[in-house]
């Protein structure tokens, strides 16, 4: 729907990539569009005990290596600093948040609303990150 490629699910984590296997200029915006749609869809859902479901999403942009690995069972996967940084954005974000690295913010800062924050990131140290305002509306048409 958003032109992103699902890489894998690890526990409750869902890893997607934009711009692979085919490069695309709007990779950051496509990822944020999907994040906003997921946030809106899950925002009204509740678990059976009446507990709200709150997603925590992390996004980073940058070079990555993608390829098929395996000998008997094949898997398409991605590796790189941007992949690791996206994971750190997710793990340091709060429930219900969409946290971006500065690399993604730079690509989309004129399209959406953000709140800056400073976060201590494992293996990196203090860094400026940005929370995507869930009420941001993409200038694209709804893909439905």
N, C-alpha and C. Protein backbone atom coordinates (compact mmCIF):
# COMPACT_ATOMS: atom_id res chain seq x y z
N UNK A 1 0.82 -1.20 0.00
CA UNK A 1 0.00 0.00 0.00
C UNK A 1 0.86 1.27 0.00
N UNK A 2 1.93 1.27 0.76
CA UNK A 2 2.80 2.44 0.81
C UNK A 2 4.09 2.22 0.03
N UNK A 3 4.23 1.05 -0.57
CA UNK A 3 5.41 0.76 -1.35
C UNK A 3 6.63 0.43 -0.52
N UNK A 4 6.40 -0.02 0.71
CA UNK A 4 7.49 -0.42 1.58
C UNK A 4 7.64 -1.93 1.53
N UNK A 5 8.81 -2.40 1.84
CA UNK A 5 9.09 -3.83 1.81
C UNK A 5 9.20 -4.34 3.25
N UNK A 6 8.35 -5.31 3.60
CA UNK A 6 8.47 -5.94 4.91
C UNK A 6 9.72 -6.82 4.90
N UNK A 7 10.58 -6.61 5.88
CA UNK A 7 11.79 -7.41 5.98
C UNK A 7 11.56 -8.59 6.90
N UNK A 8 11.10 -8.32 8.12
CA UNK A 8 10.86 -9.42 9.05
C UNK A 8 10.08 -8.94 10.26
N UNK A 9 9.57 -9.91 10.99
CA UNK A 9 8.93 -9.67 12.27
C UNK A 9 9.77 -10.38 13.31
N UNK A 10 10.16 -9.66 14.35
CA UNK A 10 10.95 -10.24 15.43
C UNK A 10 10.18 -9.97 16.72
N UNK A 11 9.54 -11.00 17.25
CA UNK A 11 8.71 -10.79 18.43
C UNK A 11 7.58 -9.85 18.08
N UNK A 12 7.52 -8.71 18.78
CA UNK A 12 6.49 -7.73 18.46
C UNK A 12 7.02 -6.59 17.59
N UNK A 13 8.23 -6.77 17.06
CA UNK A 13 8.83 -5.74 16.19
C UNK A 13 8.60 -6.10 14.73
N UNK A 14 8.32 -5.08 13.94
CA UNK A 14 8.03 -5.23 12.51
C UNK A 14 9.00 -4.33 11.77
N UNK A 15 9.89 -4.91 10.97
CA UNK A 15 10.92 -4.16 10.27
C UNK A 15 10.55 -4.01 8.80
N UNK A 16 10.48 -2.75 8.34
CA UNK A 16 10.21 -2.46 6.93
C UNK A 16 11.30 -1.55 6.39
N UNK A 17 11.42 -1.52 5.07
CA UNK A 17 12.39 -0.63 4.42
C UNK A 17 11.70 0.04 3.23
N UNK A 18 12.06 1.29 3.00
CA UNK A 18 11.61 2.00 1.81
C UNK A 18 12.86 2.27 0.97
N UNK A 19 12.76 2.06 -0.31
CA UNK A 19 13.90 2.31 -1.18
C UNK A 19 14.72 1.07 -1.48
N UNK A 20 14.22 -0.07 -1.12
CA UNK A 20 14.87 -1.34 -1.46
C UNK A 20 13.75 -2.36 -1.67
N UNK A 21 13.81 -3.22 -2.62
CA UNK A 21 14.93 -3.39 -3.53
C UNK A 21 15.01 -2.32 -4.61
N UNK A 22 13.97 -1.52 -4.80
CA UNK A 22 14.00 -0.46 -5.81
C UNK A 22 14.18 0.89 -5.13
N UNK A 23 15.18 1.68 -5.55
CA UNK A 23 15.37 3.01 -4.96
C UNK A 23 14.17 3.90 -5.21
N UNK A 24 13.92 4.81 -4.29
CA UNK A 24 12.84 5.78 -4.46
C UNK A 24 13.22 7.08 -3.76
N UNK A 25 12.88 8.18 -4.36
CA UNK A 25 13.23 9.49 -3.82
C UNK A 25 12.45 9.83 -2.55
N UNK A 26 11.22 9.34 -2.44
CA UNK A 26 10.35 9.70 -1.32
C UNK A 26 10.35 8.66 -0.21
N UNK A 27 11.45 7.95 -0.03
CA UNK A 27 11.49 6.86 0.95
C UNK A 27 11.13 7.32 2.35
N UNK A 28 11.61 8.46 2.78
CA UNK A 28 11.33 8.93 4.14
C UNK A 28 9.85 9.26 4.31
N UNK A 29 9.27 9.98 3.36
CA UNK A 29 7.85 10.34 3.43
C UNK A 29 6.97 9.10 3.37
N UNK A 30 7.32 8.13 2.54
CA UNK A 30 6.53 6.90 2.45
C UNK A 30 6.53 6.17 3.79
N UNK A 31 7.67 6.15 4.45
CA UNK A 31 7.77 5.49 5.75
C UNK A 31 6.93 6.22 6.79
N UNK A 32 6.99 7.54 6.81
CA UNK A 32 6.20 8.30 7.78
C UNK A 32 4.71 8.20 7.49
N UNK A 33 4.34 8.14 6.21
CA UNK A 33 2.92 7.94 5.86
C UNK A 33 2.42 6.62 6.44
N UNK A 34 3.21 5.57 6.30
CA UNK A 34 2.82 4.27 6.86
C UNK A 34 2.76 4.33 8.38
N UNK A 35 3.73 4.98 9.00
CA UNK A 35 3.74 5.10 10.46
C UNK A 35 2.50 5.83 10.96
N UNK A 36 2.13 6.91 10.29
CA UNK A 36 0.94 7.66 10.69
C UNK A 36 -0.33 6.82 10.51
N UNK A 37 -0.40 6.07 9.42
CA UNK A 37 -1.57 5.21 9.19
C UNK A 37 -1.66 4.12 10.25
N UNK A 38 -0.52 3.52 10.59
CA UNK A 38 -0.51 2.49 11.64
C UNK A 38 -0.93 3.10 12.98
N UNK A 39 -0.42 4.27 13.28
CA UNK A 39 -0.75 4.95 14.54
C UNK A 39 -2.25 5.22 14.61
N UNK A 40 -2.82 5.71 13.52
CA UNK A 40 -4.25 6.02 13.49
C UNK A 40 -5.10 4.76 13.61
N UNK A 41 -4.69 3.69 12.95
CA UNK A 41 -5.45 2.44 12.98
C UNK A 41 -5.43 1.81 14.37
N UNK A 42 -4.27 1.77 14.97
CA UNK A 42 -4.12 1.12 16.28
C UNK A 42 -4.58 2.03 17.41
N UNK A 43 -4.60 3.34 17.17
CA UNK A 43 -4.95 4.29 18.22
C UNK A 43 -6.30 4.05 18.86
N UNK A 44 -7.24 3.52 18.11
CA UNK A 44 -8.58 3.29 18.65
C UNK A 44 -8.79 1.85 19.11
N UNK A 45 -7.80 1.00 18.93
CA UNK A 45 -7.94 -0.41 19.30
C UNK A 45 -7.60 -0.62 20.77
N UNK A 46 -8.18 -1.64 21.35
CA UNK A 46 -7.88 -2.02 22.73
C UNK A 46 -7.73 -3.52 22.81
N UNK A 47 -6.89 -3.95 23.74
CA UNK A 47 -6.77 -5.37 24.01
C UNK A 47 -8.03 -5.81 24.74
N UNK A 48 -8.25 -7.10 24.88
CA UNK A 48 -9.49 -7.61 25.46
C UNK A 48 -9.74 -7.12 26.88
N UNK A 49 -8.71 -6.78 27.63
CA UNK A 49 -8.89 -6.32 29.01
C UNK A 49 -9.15 -4.82 29.07
N UNK A 50 -9.38 -4.19 27.93
CA UNK A 50 -9.64 -2.76 27.91
C UNK A 50 -8.39 -1.91 27.96
N UNK A 51 -7.24 -2.53 27.81
CA UNK A 51 -5.97 -1.81 27.82
C UNK A 51 -5.68 -1.31 26.40
N UNK A 52 -5.40 -0.02 26.24
CA UNK A 52 -5.12 0.47 24.88
C UNK A 52 -3.83 -0.12 24.32
N UNK A 53 -3.83 -0.32 23.01
CA UNK A 53 -2.63 -0.78 22.32
C UNK A 53 -1.87 0.47 21.87
N UNK A 54 -0.61 0.55 22.22
CA UNK A 54 0.19 1.73 21.87
C UNK A 54 1.46 1.28 21.17
N UNK A 55 1.59 1.63 19.91
CA UNK A 55 2.78 1.30 19.13
C UNK A 55 3.91 2.25 19.47
N UNK A 56 5.12 1.75 19.34
CA UNK A 56 6.33 2.56 19.49
C UNK A 56 7.12 2.34 18.21
N UNK A 57 7.34 3.42 17.43
CA UNK A 57 8.00 3.27 16.14
C UNK A 57 9.26 4.11 16.07
N UNK A 58 10.27 3.58 15.37
CA UNK A 58 11.52 4.30 15.17
C UNK A 58 11.86 4.33 13.69
N UNK A 59 12.34 5.49 13.23
CA UNK A 59 12.64 5.67 11.81
C UNK A 59 14.00 6.36 11.67
N UNK A 60 14.82 5.86 10.76
CA UNK A 60 16.09 6.50 10.41
C UNK A 60 16.31 6.33 8.92
N UNK A 61 17.04 7.25 8.33
CA UNK A 61 17.33 7.21 6.90
C UNK A 61 18.84 7.16 6.68
N UNK A 62 19.24 6.45 5.65
CA UNK A 62 20.65 6.38 5.32
C UNK A 62 20.96 5.14 4.53
N UNK A 63 22.22 4.99 4.17
CA UNK A 63 22.63 3.83 3.39
C UNK A 63 22.44 2.53 4.16
N UNK A 64 22.12 1.49 3.44
CA UNK A 64 21.99 0.15 4.02
C UNK A 64 22.36 -0.86 2.94
N UNK A 65 22.73 -2.02 3.38
CA UNK A 65 23.00 -3.13 2.48
C UNK A 65 21.81 -4.06 2.57
N UNK A 66 21.31 -4.50 1.44
CA UNK A 66 20.18 -5.42 1.41
C UNK A 66 20.55 -6.61 0.54
N UNK A 67 20.07 -7.77 0.93
CA UNK A 67 20.36 -8.94 0.12
C UNK A 67 19.70 -10.19 0.65
N UNK A 68 19.80 -11.23 -0.14
CA UNK A 68 19.25 -12.53 0.22
C UNK A 68 20.37 -13.34 0.87
N UNK A 69 20.06 -13.90 2.03
CA UNK A 69 21.03 -14.73 2.74
C UNK A 69 20.44 -16.11 2.96
N UNK A 70 21.30 -17.07 3.21
CA UNK A 70 20.85 -18.41 3.53
C UNK A 70 21.41 -19.43 2.57
N UNK A 71 21.42 -20.66 3.04
CA UNK A 71 21.91 -21.77 2.23
C UNK A 71 20.76 -22.70 1.86
N UNK A 72 19.97 -23.08 2.86
CA UNK A 72 18.81 -23.94 2.61
C UNK A 72 17.51 -23.15 2.68
N UNK A 73 17.46 -22.23 3.63
CA UNK A 73 16.29 -21.38 3.79
C UNK A 73 16.74 -19.95 3.54
N UNK A 74 16.12 -19.31 2.56
CA UNK A 74 16.56 -17.99 2.15
C UNK A 74 15.75 -16.90 2.84
N UNK A 75 16.41 -15.77 3.06
CA UNK A 75 15.77 -14.64 3.72
C UNK A 75 16.33 -13.35 3.14
N UNK A 76 15.44 -12.40 2.88
CA UNK A 76 15.85 -11.07 2.44
C UNK A 76 16.03 -10.23 3.70
N UNK A 77 17.16 -9.56 3.85
CA UNK A 77 17.43 -8.79 5.07
C UNK A 77 18.19 -7.52 4.72
N UNK A 78 18.28 -6.62 5.70
CA UNK A 78 19.02 -5.38 5.54
C UNK A 78 19.96 -5.18 6.73
N UNK A 79 21.07 -4.48 6.48
CA UNK A 79 22.07 -4.21 7.51
C UNK A 79 22.60 -2.81 7.32
N UNK A 80 23.09 -2.22 8.38
CA UNK A 80 23.76 -0.93 8.27
C UNK A 80 23.48 -0.03 9.45
N UNK A 81 24.21 1.08 9.51
CA UNK A 81 24.05 2.03 10.61
C UNK A 81 22.63 2.58 10.68
N UNK A 82 22.01 2.86 9.54
CA UNK A 82 20.65 3.40 9.54
C UNK A 82 19.66 2.39 10.12
N UNK A 83 19.87 1.11 9.84
CA UNK A 83 19.01 0.05 10.37
C UNK A 83 19.16 0.00 11.89
N UNK A 84 20.40 0.04 12.36
CA UNK A 84 20.64 0.01 13.81
C UNK A 84 20.09 1.26 14.48
N UNK A 85 20.24 2.41 13.84
CA UNK A 85 19.72 3.65 14.41
C UNK A 85 18.20 3.64 14.49
N UNK A 86 17.53 3.10 13.48
CA UNK A 86 16.07 3.00 13.52
C UNK A 86 15.64 2.14 14.70
N UNK A 87 16.36 1.06 14.96
CA UNK A 87 16.07 0.21 16.11
C UNK A 87 16.24 0.99 17.41
N UNK A 88 17.27 1.80 17.50
CA UNK A 88 17.49 2.63 18.70
C UNK A 88 16.40 3.69 18.84
N UNK A 89 15.92 4.22 17.72
CA UNK A 89 14.83 5.20 17.78
C UNK A 89 13.58 4.55 18.36
N UNK A 90 13.34 3.32 17.95
CA UNK A 90 12.17 2.60 18.49
C UNK A 90 12.35 2.32 19.97
N UNK A 91 13.49 1.83 20.37
CA UNK A 91 13.68 1.41 21.76
C UNK A 91 13.74 2.58 22.74
N UNK A 92 14.10 3.77 22.28
CA UNK A 92 14.16 4.92 23.19
C UNK A 92 12.91 5.80 23.10
N UNK A 93 11.99 5.45 22.24
CA UNK A 93 10.74 6.20 22.13
C UNK A 93 9.75 5.74 23.19
N UNK A 94 8.78 6.56 23.47
CA UNK A 94 7.75 6.19 24.44
C UNK A 94 6.59 5.48 23.76
N UNK A 95 5.73 4.86 24.56
CA UNK A 95 4.54 4.21 24.00
C UNK A 95 3.71 5.22 23.20
N UNK A 96 3.30 4.81 22.03
CA UNK A 96 2.49 5.67 21.17
C UNK A 96 3.29 6.69 20.38
N UNK A 97 4.63 6.58 20.42
CA UNK A 97 5.45 7.59 19.74
C UNK A 97 6.00 7.09 18.41
N UNK A 98 6.28 8.04 17.53
CA UNK A 98 6.99 7.80 16.27
C UNK A 98 8.22 8.69 16.35
N UNK A 99 9.36 8.09 16.68
CA UNK A 99 10.59 8.86 16.89
C UNK A 99 11.51 8.71 15.69
N UNK A 100 12.03 9.84 15.23
CA UNK A 100 12.88 9.88 14.04
C UNK A 100 14.29 10.32 14.39
N UNK A 101 15.22 9.77 13.65
CA UNK A 101 16.59 10.28 13.68
C UNK A 101 16.62 11.57 12.86
N UNK A 102 17.64 12.38 13.11
CA UNK A 102 17.76 13.64 12.38
C UNK A 102 17.85 13.43 10.87
N UNK A 103 18.41 12.30 10.45
CA UNK A 103 18.53 12.01 9.01
C UNK A 103 17.17 11.99 8.33
N UNK A 104 16.17 11.44 8.98
CA UNK A 104 14.82 11.40 8.41
C UNK A 104 14.13 12.75 8.57
N UNK A 105 14.31 13.38 9.72
CA UNK A 105 13.71 14.69 9.96
C UNK A 105 14.13 15.68 8.88
N UNK A 106 15.42 15.68 8.51
CA UNK A 106 15.91 16.61 7.48
C UNK A 106 15.17 16.42 6.15
N UNK A 107 14.83 15.19 5.83
CA UNK A 107 14.16 14.90 4.56
C UNK A 107 12.68 15.27 4.57
N UNK A 108 12.08 15.36 5.76
CA UNK A 108 10.63 15.53 5.86
C UNK A 108 10.20 16.72 6.72
N UNK A 109 11.12 17.55 7.14
CA UNK A 109 10.79 18.61 8.10
C UNK A 109 9.77 19.61 7.58
N UNK A 110 9.63 19.75 6.28
CA UNK A 110 8.66 20.68 5.71
C UNK A 110 7.30 20.04 5.43
N UNK A 111 7.20 18.73 5.63
CA UNK A 111 5.96 18.01 5.29
C UNK A 111 5.09 17.67 6.49
N UNK A 112 5.68 17.60 7.67
CA UNK A 112 4.98 17.14 8.87
C UNK A 112 5.35 18.02 10.05
N UNK A 113 4.66 17.83 11.18
CA UNK A 113 4.97 18.55 12.41
C UNK A 113 5.77 17.64 13.34
N UNK A 114 6.77 18.21 14.00
CA UNK A 114 7.65 17.44 14.88
C UNK A 114 7.89 18.17 16.19
N UNK A 115 8.25 17.41 17.20
CA UNK A 115 8.71 17.95 18.47
C UNK A 115 10.12 17.43 18.69
N UNK A 116 11.10 18.34 18.81
CA UNK A 116 12.48 17.88 19.04
C UNK A 116 12.65 17.38 20.47
N UNK A 117 13.57 16.45 20.65
CA UNK A 117 13.91 15.98 21.99
C UNK A 117 15.34 15.47 21.96
N UNK A 118 15.95 15.46 23.11
CA UNK A 118 17.31 14.95 23.25
C UNK A 118 17.24 13.62 23.98
N UNK A 119 17.91 12.62 23.43
CA UNK A 119 17.83 11.25 23.94
C UNK A 119 19.24 10.69 24.08
N UNK A 120 19.44 9.89 25.10
CA UNK A 120 20.69 9.14 25.26
C UNK A 120 20.51 7.82 24.52
N UNK A 121 21.32 7.62 23.49
CA UNK A 121 21.19 6.44 22.63
C UNK A 121 22.37 5.51 22.86
N UNK A 122 22.06 4.26 23.18
CA UNK A 122 23.09 3.26 23.44
C UNK A 122 24.06 3.15 22.27
N UNK A 123 25.34 3.19 22.57
CA UNK A 123 26.36 3.07 21.55
C UNK A 123 26.64 4.35 20.78
N UNK A 124 25.84 5.40 21.02
CA UNK A 124 26.01 6.66 20.30
C UNK A 124 26.21 7.82 21.27
N UNK A 125 25.42 7.85 22.33
CA UNK A 125 25.46 8.97 23.28
C UNK A 125 24.25 9.86 23.09
N UNK A 126 24.39 11.10 23.56
CA UNK A 126 23.28 12.05 23.46
C UNK A 126 23.06 12.44 22.01
N UNK A 127 21.81 12.45 21.61
CA UNK A 127 21.51 12.88 20.24
C UNK A 127 20.15 13.53 20.17
N UNK A 128 20.01 14.45 19.23
CA UNK A 128 18.74 15.12 18.99
C UNK A 128 17.88 14.20 18.13
N UNK A 129 16.66 13.97 18.58
CA UNK A 129 15.70 13.18 17.80
C UNK A 129 14.43 14.01 17.66
N UNK A 130 13.48 13.48 16.92
CA UNK A 130 12.24 14.21 16.66
C UNK A 130 11.06 13.26 16.77
N UNK A 131 10.03 13.71 17.48
CA UNK A 131 8.79 12.95 17.56
C UNK A 131 7.84 13.48 16.51
N UNK A 132 7.32 12.58 15.69
CA UNK A 132 6.36 12.94 14.66
C UNK A 132 5.01 13.18 15.32
N UNK A 133 4.41 14.31 15.04
CA UNK A 133 3.10 14.63 15.58
C UNK A 133 2.08 13.74 14.88
N UNK A 134 1.37 12.89 15.65
CA UNK A 134 0.41 11.97 15.02
C UNK A 134 -0.72 12.66 14.28
N UNK A 135 -0.95 13.94 14.57
CA UNK A 135 -2.01 14.64 13.84
C UNK A 135 -1.50 15.24 12.54
N UNK A 136 -0.22 15.02 12.23
CA UNK A 136 0.33 15.48 10.94
C UNK A 136 -0.44 14.82 9.81
N UNK A 137 -0.68 15.57 8.79
CA UNK A 137 -1.36 15.03 7.62
C UNK A 137 -0.40 15.11 6.45
N UNK A 138 -0.23 13.99 5.80
CA UNK A 138 0.63 13.96 4.63
C UNK A 138 -0.02 14.73 3.50
N UNK A 139 0.77 15.46 2.71
CA UNK A 139 0.19 16.15 1.56
C UNK A 139 -0.21 15.21 0.44
N UNK A 140 0.13 13.94 0.55
CA UNK A 140 -0.25 12.97 -0.49
C UNK A 140 -1.73 12.63 -0.36
N UNK A 141 -2.27 12.13 -1.41
CA UNK A 141 -3.64 11.62 -1.36
C UNK A 141 -3.64 10.33 -0.57
N UNK A 142 -4.73 10.04 0.11
CA UNK A 142 -4.88 8.77 0.81
C UNK A 142 -4.83 7.65 -0.21
N UNK A 143 -3.97 6.63 0.03
CA UNK A 143 -3.83 5.56 -0.97
C UNK A 143 -5.04 4.65 -1.12
N UNK A 144 -6.05 4.78 -0.27
CA UNK A 144 -7.23 3.92 -0.40
C UNK A 144 -8.05 4.29 -1.60
